[in-house]
Amino acid sequence: MKTRIKPPMRLAIGKLMLDGKARSAEDVRNELTPQYDGEKQLNLPNLENHLQALRAVGILAVAERDDTQNANPDTAYIICVDGERRVKKYL
């Protein structure tokens, strides 16, 4: 039986963010669940830490969201231009 190695979580988040859509930790969890289903690392506090770390190194930025359109009060992140280049480099 051949097992497929999953990419590191931060790289998977970066790849997910390449479409330019703003996402919260909950959005990221919902979209990565099929790939990382059943893994303990796929929880909101851990994902929020990953998102903040990616922001700290300049890959992501906090996105402006229209809260009248979105009931989710969580912080949303979006990929930066330089972040996009850096993520693509490692894919």
N, C-alpha and C. Protein backbone atom coordinates (compact mmCIF):
# COMPACT_ATOMS: atom_id res chain seq x y z
N MET A 1 0.84 -1.18 0.00
CA MET A 1 0.00 0.00 0.00
C MET A 1 0.89 1.25 0.00
N LYS A 2 0.67 2.11 -0.96
CA LYS A 2 1.46 3.31 -1.09
C LYS A 2 0.76 4.47 -0.40
N THR A 3 1.48 5.14 0.51
CA THR A 3 0.90 6.29 1.18
C THR A 3 1.41 7.57 0.54
N ARG A 4 0.54 8.51 0.43
CA ARG A 4 0.89 9.80 -0.17
C ARG A 4 1.31 10.75 0.95
N ILE A 5 2.47 11.35 0.81
CA ILE A 5 2.96 12.30 1.80
C ILE A 5 2.27 13.63 1.57
N LYS A 6 1.72 14.18 2.64
CA LYS A 6 1.03 15.46 2.56
C LYS A 6 2.05 16.59 2.69
N PRO A 7 1.77 17.70 2.02
CA PRO A 7 2.69 18.83 2.16
C PRO A 7 2.62 19.41 3.57
N PRO A 8 3.67 20.13 3.98
CA PRO A 8 3.62 20.80 5.27
C PRO A 8 2.39 21.71 5.33
N MET A 9 1.81 21.86 6.51
CA MET A 9 0.57 22.61 6.67
C MET A 9 0.70 24.05 6.14
N ARG A 10 1.79 24.72 6.43
CA ARG A 10 1.93 26.12 5.98
C ARG A 10 2.01 26.21 4.46
N LEU A 11 2.63 25.25 3.83
CA LEU A 11 2.67 25.25 2.37
C LEU A 11 1.27 24.98 1.81
N ALA A 12 0.53 24.08 2.44
CA ALA A 12 -0.83 23.80 2.00
C ALA A 12 -1.71 25.03 2.15
N ILE A 13 -1.52 25.77 3.23
CA ILE A 13 -2.29 27.01 3.43
C ILE A 13 -1.91 28.02 2.35
N GLY A 14 -0.61 28.18 2.10
CA GLY A 14 -0.17 29.10 1.06
C GLY A 14 -0.74 28.75 -0.30
N LYS A 15 -0.72 27.47 -0.63
CA LYS A 15 -1.28 27.03 -1.91
C LYS A 15 -2.77 27.33 -1.98
N LEU A 16 -3.48 27.09 -0.90
CA LEU A 16 -4.91 27.38 -0.84
C LEU A 16 -5.17 28.87 -1.07
N MET A 17 -4.31 29.72 -0.52
CA MET A 17 -4.51 31.16 -0.58
C MET A 17 -4.15 31.76 -1.94
N LEU A 18 -3.53 30.99 -2.82
CA LEU A 18 -3.11 31.51 -4.12
C LEU A 18 -4.25 32.05 -4.97
N ASP A 19 -5.48 31.64 -4.69
CA ASP A 19 -6.61 32.13 -5.49
C ASP A 19 -7.00 33.56 -5.14
N GLY A 20 -6.37 34.15 -4.10
CA GLY A 20 -6.62 35.53 -3.74
C GLY A 20 -7.85 35.76 -2.88
N LYS A 21 -8.51 34.71 -2.48
CA LYS A 21 -9.71 34.82 -1.66
C LYS A 21 -9.31 35.01 -0.19
N ALA A 22 -9.98 35.93 0.51
CA ALA A 22 -9.73 36.13 1.94
C ALA A 22 -10.36 34.99 2.72
N ARG A 23 -9.60 34.45 3.69
CA ARG A 23 -10.08 33.32 4.48
C ARG A 23 -9.72 33.49 5.94
N SER A 24 -10.60 33.00 6.80
CA SER A 24 -10.33 32.93 8.24
C SER A 24 -9.78 31.54 8.54
N ALA A 25 -9.37 31.32 9.78
CA ALA A 25 -8.89 30.00 10.18
C ALA A 25 -9.97 28.95 9.96
N GLU A 26 -11.21 29.30 10.24
CA GLU A 26 -12.31 28.35 10.03
C GLU A 26 -12.49 28.01 8.55
N ASP A 27 -12.38 29.02 7.69
CA ASP A 27 -12.47 28.79 6.24
C ASP A 27 -11.36 27.83 5.79
N VAL A 28 -10.14 28.08 6.29
CA VAL A 28 -9.00 27.23 5.93
C VAL A 28 -9.25 25.80 6.41
N ARG A 29 -9.72 25.66 7.64
CA ARG A 29 -10.00 24.31 8.16
C ARG A 29 -11.01 23.59 7.28
N ASN A 30 -12.08 24.28 6.92
CA ASN A 30 -13.12 23.66 6.10
C ASN A 30 -12.59 23.21 4.75
N GLU A 31 -11.69 24.00 4.17
CA GLU A 31 -11.18 23.66 2.84
C GLU A 31 -10.05 22.63 2.87
N LEU A 32 -9.32 22.55 3.98
CA LEU A 32 -8.23 21.57 4.07
C LEU A 32 -8.67 20.25 4.70
N THR A 33 -9.89 20.18 5.22
CA THR A 33 -10.36 18.95 5.86
C THR A 33 -10.26 17.73 4.95
N PRO A 34 -10.64 17.81 3.68
CA PRO A 34 -10.51 16.60 2.85
C PRO A 34 -9.07 16.09 2.74
N GLN A 35 -8.11 16.99 2.73
CA GLN A 35 -6.70 16.61 2.58
C GLN A 35 -6.08 16.14 3.89
N TYR A 36 -6.50 16.74 5.01
CA TYR A 36 -5.90 16.44 6.31
C TYR A 36 -6.91 15.84 7.29
N ASP A 37 -7.96 15.24 6.80
CA ASP A 37 -9.03 14.71 7.65
C ASP A 37 -8.47 13.72 8.68
N GLY A 38 -8.89 13.92 9.92
CA GLY A 38 -8.49 13.02 10.99
C GLY A 38 -7.18 13.39 11.66
N GLU A 39 -6.50 14.41 11.17
CA GLU A 39 -5.22 14.80 11.77
C GLU A 39 -5.45 15.79 12.90
N LYS A 40 -4.72 15.58 13.98
CA LYS A 40 -4.86 16.44 15.15
C LYS A 40 -4.44 17.87 14.89
N GLN A 41 -3.55 18.08 13.94
CA GLN A 41 -3.07 19.43 13.67
C GLN A 41 -4.11 20.32 13.00
N LEU A 42 -5.20 19.74 12.52
CA LEU A 42 -6.23 20.50 11.82
C LEU A 42 -7.27 21.01 12.83
N ASN A 43 -6.87 21.99 13.63
CA ASN A 43 -7.79 22.60 14.59
C ASN A 43 -7.64 24.12 14.50
N LEU A 44 -8.66 24.83 14.95
CA LEU A 44 -8.68 26.28 14.78
C LEU A 44 -7.51 27.02 15.45
N PRO A 45 -7.18 26.72 16.71
CA PRO A 45 -6.04 27.44 17.30
C PRO A 45 -4.73 27.22 16.54
N ASN A 46 -4.49 26.00 16.11
CA ASN A 46 -3.27 25.69 15.36
C ASN A 46 -3.27 26.40 14.00
N LEU A 47 -4.40 26.39 13.32
CA LEU A 47 -4.47 27.06 12.02
C LEU A 47 -4.31 28.57 12.17
N GLU A 48 -4.89 29.14 13.22
CA GLU A 48 -4.73 30.58 13.46
C GLU A 48 -3.26 30.89 13.71
N ASN A 49 -2.56 30.04 14.43
CA ASN A 49 -1.11 30.24 14.64
C ASN A 49 -0.34 30.19 13.32
N HIS A 50 -0.69 29.25 12.46
CA HIS A 50 -0.04 29.16 11.15
C HIS A 50 -0.31 30.43 10.34
N LEU A 51 -1.55 30.89 10.33
CA LEU A 51 -1.90 32.09 9.57
C LEU A 51 -1.14 33.31 10.10
N GLN A 52 -1.05 33.43 11.41
CA GLN A 52 -0.32 34.55 11.99
C GLN A 52 1.17 34.47 11.67
N ALA A 53 1.72 33.26 11.67
CA ALA A 53 3.13 33.08 11.33
C ALA A 53 3.38 33.45 9.87
N LEU A 54 2.48 33.06 8.99
CA LEU A 54 2.62 33.41 7.58
C LEU A 54 2.47 34.92 7.38
N ARG A 55 1.68 35.54 8.20
CA ARG A 55 1.55 37.00 8.16
C ARG A 55 2.85 37.65 8.66
N ALA A 56 3.42 37.11 9.71
CA ALA A 56 4.64 37.68 10.30
C ALA A 56 5.82 37.67 9.32
N VAL A 57 5.87 36.69 8.44
CA VAL A 57 6.97 36.62 7.48
C VAL A 57 6.63 37.26 6.13
N GLY A 58 5.46 37.90 6.05
CA GLY A 58 5.10 38.66 4.86
C GLY A 58 4.45 37.89 3.74
N ILE A 59 4.00 36.68 4.00
CA ILE A 59 3.32 35.92 2.96
C ILE A 59 1.84 36.28 2.92
N LEU A 60 1.24 36.46 4.08
CA LEU A 60 -0.17 36.85 4.18
C LEU A 60 -0.30 38.23 4.80
N ALA A 61 -1.46 38.84 4.60
CA ALA A 61 -1.81 40.11 5.24
C ALA A 61 -3.24 39.99 5.74
N VAL A 62 -3.60 40.82 6.70
CA VAL A 62 -4.97 40.84 7.18
C VAL A 62 -5.81 41.50 6.09
N ALA A 63 -6.90 40.86 5.74
CA ALA A 63 -7.78 41.35 4.68
C ALA A 63 -8.86 42.25 5.26
N GLU A 64 -9.22 43.22 4.49
CA GLU A 64 -10.36 44.06 4.84
C GLU A 64 -11.61 43.30 4.44
N ARG A 65 -12.52 43.17 5.40
CA ARG A 65 -13.77 42.45 5.10
C ARG A 65 -14.95 43.35 5.42
N ASP A 66 -15.97 43.22 4.64
CA ASP A 66 -17.22 43.94 4.90
C ASP A 66 -18.05 43.09 5.83
N ASP A 67 -18.02 43.39 7.14
CA ASP A 67 -18.70 42.56 8.13
C ASP A 67 -20.22 42.59 8.00
N THR A 68 -20.77 43.54 7.25
CA THR A 68 -22.21 43.52 7.03
C THR A 68 -22.58 42.38 6.09
N GLN A 69 -21.64 41.96 5.28
CA GLN A 69 -21.87 40.85 4.34
C GLN A 69 -21.48 39.51 4.93
N ASN A 70 -20.64 39.54 5.97
CA ASN A 70 -20.10 38.30 6.51
C ASN A 70 -20.35 38.26 8.01
N ALA A 71 -21.08 37.27 8.46
CA ALA A 71 -21.40 37.15 9.88
C ALA A 71 -20.22 36.61 10.70
N ASN A 72 -19.19 36.11 10.04
CA ASN A 72 -18.04 35.53 10.72
C ASN A 72 -17.10 36.65 11.20
N PRO A 73 -16.94 36.84 12.51
CA PRO A 73 -16.12 37.94 13.01
C PRO A 73 -14.62 37.63 13.05
N ASP A 74 -14.23 36.43 12.68
CA ASP A 74 -12.82 36.04 12.74
C ASP A 74 -11.98 36.86 11.78
N THR A 75 -10.70 36.98 12.10
CA THR A 75 -9.75 37.67 11.24
C THR A 75 -9.61 36.91 9.94
N ALA A 76 -9.63 37.64 8.84
CA ALA A 76 -9.45 37.02 7.52
C ALA A 76 -8.09 37.44 6.98
N TYR A 77 -7.46 36.52 6.29
CA TYR A 77 -6.13 36.75 5.73
C TYR A 77 -6.19 36.60 4.22
N ILE A 78 -5.29 37.30 3.55
CA ILE A 78 -5.18 37.23 2.10
C ILE A 78 -3.70 37.18 1.74
N ILE A 79 -3.39 36.57 0.63
CA ILE A 79 -1.98 36.44 0.24
C ILE A 79 -1.47 37.76 -0.33
N CYS A 80 -0.21 38.07 -0.05
CA CYS A 80 0.46 39.26 -0.57
C CYS A 80 1.09 38.93 -1.92
N VAL A 81 1.43 39.94 -2.68
CA VAL A 81 2.08 39.73 -3.98
C VAL A 81 3.39 38.97 -3.79
N ASP A 82 4.21 39.41 -2.86
CA ASP A 82 5.47 38.71 -2.60
C ASP A 82 5.21 37.31 -2.05
N GLY A 83 4.17 37.16 -1.24
CA GLY A 83 3.81 35.86 -0.69
C GLY A 83 3.44 34.88 -1.80
N GLU A 84 2.72 35.38 -2.79
CA GLU A 84 2.34 34.54 -3.93
C GLU A 84 3.58 34.01 -4.65
N ARG A 85 4.54 34.89 -4.88
CA ARG A 85 5.78 34.49 -5.53
C ARG A 85 6.53 33.47 -4.72
N ARG A 86 6.59 33.68 -3.40
CA ARG A 86 7.32 32.78 -2.53
C ARG A 86 6.67 31.41 -2.42
N VAL A 87 5.35 31.36 -2.36
CA VAL A 87 4.64 30.08 -2.29
C VAL A 87 4.84 29.30 -3.58
N LYS A 88 4.69 29.98 -4.71
CA LYS A 88 4.85 29.30 -6.01
C LYS A 88 6.26 28.73 -6.16
N LYS A 89 7.23 29.37 -5.56
CA LYS A 89 8.62 28.91 -5.63
C LYS A 89 8.77 27.51 -5.02
N TYR A 90 7.98 27.21 -3.99
CA TYR A 90 8.11 25.93 -3.29
C TYR A 90 7.09 24.88 -3.70
N LEU A 91 6.24 25.21 -4.64
CA LEU A 91 5.27 24.20 -5.11
C LEU A 91 5.85 23.30 -6.18
